[in-house]
Amino acid sequence: MDKTSQTSHRENVKSRITSGRYVEFKGLSICKINDFYPLRTGVKYQVHSYFFSELYEDIEEAINKFFELRARIARKKLNKES
């Protein structure tokens, strides 16, 4: 497989968000909220779950938080299975 055509999971998430879609993982989601609701104050990215919800102006900051929470959720699941 050609390595130049491969993208990281992070790049894939960013691409999906910037093209009007959202990404979910076990109740955690990230999206460009402007694609779903009209906002008056610029572009906002939302990271949301049942225990956390925050808007970000910077996509990189939003993606960082999404992956931080995603890892926490995955670890929690692994601990329950142990």
C-alpha atoms as a PDB file:
ATOM      1  CA  MET A   1       0.000   0.000   0.000  1.00  0.00           C
ATOM      2  CA  ASP A   2       1.274   3.447  -0.885  1.00  0.00           C
ATOM      3  CA  LYS A   3       2.167   5.347   2.306  1.00  0.00           C
ATOM      4  CA  THR A   4       1.487   8.729   0.671  1.00  0.00           C
ATOM      5  CA  SER A   5      -2.207   7.847   0.351  1.00  0.00           C
ATOM      6  CA  GLN A   6      -2.566   6.899   4.015  1.00  0.00           C
ATOM      7  CA  THR A   7      -3.868   9.459   6.475  1.00  0.00           C
ATOM      8  CA  SER A   8      -3.819   9.368  10.239  1.00  0.00           C
ATOM      9  CA  HIS A   9      -6.997   8.903  12.210  1.00  0.00           C
ATOM     10  CA  ARG A  10      -6.627  12.503  13.420  1.00  0.00           C
ATOM     11  CA  GLU A  11      -6.385  13.797   9.827  1.00  0.00           C
ATOM     12  CA  ASN A  12      -9.415  11.704   8.881  1.00  0.00           C
ATOM     13  CA  VAL A  13     -11.452  13.195  11.743  1.00  0.00           C
ATOM     14  CA  LYS A  14     -10.392  16.726  10.748  1.00  0.00           C
ATOM     15  CA  SER A  15     -11.305  16.081   7.129  1.00  0.00           C
ATOM     16  CA  ARG A  16     -14.740  14.781   8.054  1.00  0.00           C
ATOM     17  CA  ILE A  17     -15.454  17.757  10.328  1.00  0.00           C
ATOM     18  CA  THR A  18     -14.355  20.332   7.765  1.00  0.00           C
ATOM     19  CA  SER A  19     -16.531  18.687   5.100  1.00  0.00           C
ATOM     20  CA  GLY A  20     -19.750  19.103   7.075  1.00  0.00           C
ATOM     21  CA  ARG A  21     -19.907  15.760   8.850  1.00  0.00           C
ATOM     22  CA  TYR A  22     -19.427  14.702  12.458  1.00  0.00           C
ATOM     23  CA  VAL A  23     -17.543  11.918  14.223  1.00  0.00           C
ATOM     24  CA  GLU A  24     -18.874   9.818  17.105  1.00  0.00           C
ATOM     25  CA  PHE A  25     -17.289   7.383  19.517  1.00  0.00           C
ATOM     26  CA  LYS A  26     -19.379   5.691  22.217  1.00  0.00           C
ATOM     27  CA  GLY A  27     -21.517   8.753  22.993  1.00  0.00           C
ATOM     28  CA  LEU A  28     -18.740  11.300  22.366  1.00  0.00           C
ATOM     29  CA  SER A  29     -19.029  13.489  19.280  1.00  0.00           C
ATOM     30  CA  ILE A  30     -17.191  16.287  17.513  1.00  0.00           C
ATOM     31  CA  CYS A  31     -18.518  18.537  14.754  1.00  0.00           C
ATOM     32  CA  LYS A  32     -18.437  22.014  13.292  1.00  0.00           C
ATOM     33  CA  ILE A  33     -21.597  23.183  15.024  1.00  0.00           C
ATOM     34  CA  ASN A  34     -22.192  25.861  12.370  1.00  0.00           C
ATOM     35  CA  ASP A  35     -23.067  23.050   9.952  1.00  0.00           C
ATOM     36  CA  PHE A  36     -26.019  22.121  12.162  1.00  0.00           C
ATOM     37  CA  TYR A  37     -27.068  25.400  13.849  1.00  0.00           C
ATOM     38  CA  PRO A  38     -26.712  29.000  12.708  1.00  0.00           C
ATOM     39  CA  LEU A  39     -24.392  30.943  15.010  1.00  0.00           C
ATOM     40  CA  ARG A  40     -23.769  34.664  14.973  1.00  0.00           C
ATOM     41  CA  THR A  41     -20.194  34.592  16.211  1.00  0.00           C
ATOM     42  CA  GLY A  42     -17.826  32.858  13.801  1.00  0.00           C
ATOM     43  CA  VAL A  43     -16.944  29.215  13.353  1.00  0.00           C
ATOM     44  CA  LYS A  44     -17.304  26.943  16.373  1.00  0.00           C
ATOM     45  CA  TYR A  45     -16.427  23.306  16.884  1.00  0.00           C
ATOM     46  CA  GLN A  46     -18.318  21.313  19.497  1.00  0.00           C
ATOM     47  CA  VAL A  47     -17.068  18.378  21.516  1.00  0.00           C
ATOM     48  CA  HIS A  48     -20.032  16.801  23.301  1.00  0.00           C
ATOM     49  CA  SER A  49     -20.934  13.788  25.419  1.00  0.00           C
ATOM     50  CA  TYR A  50     -23.248  13.076  28.302  1.00  0.00           C
ATOM     51  CA  PHE A  51     -20.553  14.279  30.748  1.00  0.00           C
ATOM     52  CA  PHE A  52     -18.909  17.093  28.752  1.00  0.00           C
ATOM     53  CA  SER A  53     -19.864  19.784  26.253  1.00  0.00           C
ATOM     54  CA  GLU A  54     -17.712  22.635  25.032  1.00  0.00           C
ATOM     55  CA  LEU A  55     -17.427  24.946  22.020  1.00  0.00           C
ATOM     56  CA  TYR A  56     -14.033  25.779  20.528  1.00  0.00           C
ATOM     57  CA  GLU A  57     -12.954  28.365  17.978  1.00  0.00           C
ATOM     58  CA  ASP A  58      -9.797  26.423  17.090  1.00  0.00           C
ATOM     59  CA  ILE A  59     -10.284  23.076  15.334  1.00  0.00           C
ATOM     60  CA  GLU A  60      -6.966  21.712  16.635  1.00  0.00           C
ATOM     61  CA  GLU A  61      -7.964  22.442  20.232  1.00  0.00           C
ATOM     62  CA  ALA A  62     -11.327  20.730  19.673  1.00  0.00           C
ATOM     63  CA  ILE A  63      -9.680  17.673  18.115  1.00  0.00           C
ATOM     64  CA  ASN A  64      -7.177  17.488  20.979  1.00  0.00           C
ATOM     65  CA  LYS A  65     -10.035  17.455  23.504  1.00  0.00           C
ATOM     66  CA  PHE A  66     -11.980  14.900  21.449  1.00  0.00           C
ATOM     67  CA  PHE A  67      -9.015  12.496  21.427  1.00  0.00           C
ATOM     68  CA  GLU A  68      -8.302  13.128  25.119  1.00  0.00           C
ATOM     69  CA  LEU A  69     -11.884  12.216  26.055  1.00  0.00           C
ATOM     70  CA  ARG A  70     -11.954   9.354  23.546  1.00  0.00           C
ATOM     71  CA  ALA A  71      -8.879   7.813  25.193  1.00  0.00           C
ATOM     72  CA  ARG A  72     -10.446   8.236  28.627  1.00  0.00           C
ATOM     73  CA  ILE A  73     -13.627   6.462  27.465  1.00  0.00           C
ATOM     74  CA  ALA A  74     -11.617   3.646  25.856  1.00  0.00           C
ATOM     75  CA  ARG A  75      -9.512   3.162  29.022  1.00  0.00           C
ATOM     76  CA  LYS A  76     -12.642   3.106  31.162  1.00  0.00           C
ATOM     77  CA  LYS A  77     -14.093   0.348  28.969  1.00  0.00           C
ATOM     78  CA  LEU A  78     -10.858  -1.659  29.168  1.00  0.00           C
ATOM     79  CA  ASN A  79     -10.801  -1.345  32.957  1.00  0.00           C
ATOM     80  CA  LYS A  80     -14.369  -2.678  33.173  1.00  0.00           C
ATOM     81  CA  GLU A  81     -13.454  -5.685  31.039  1.00  0.00           C
ATOM     82  CA  SER A  82     -10.400  -6.550  33.174  1.00  0.00           C
END
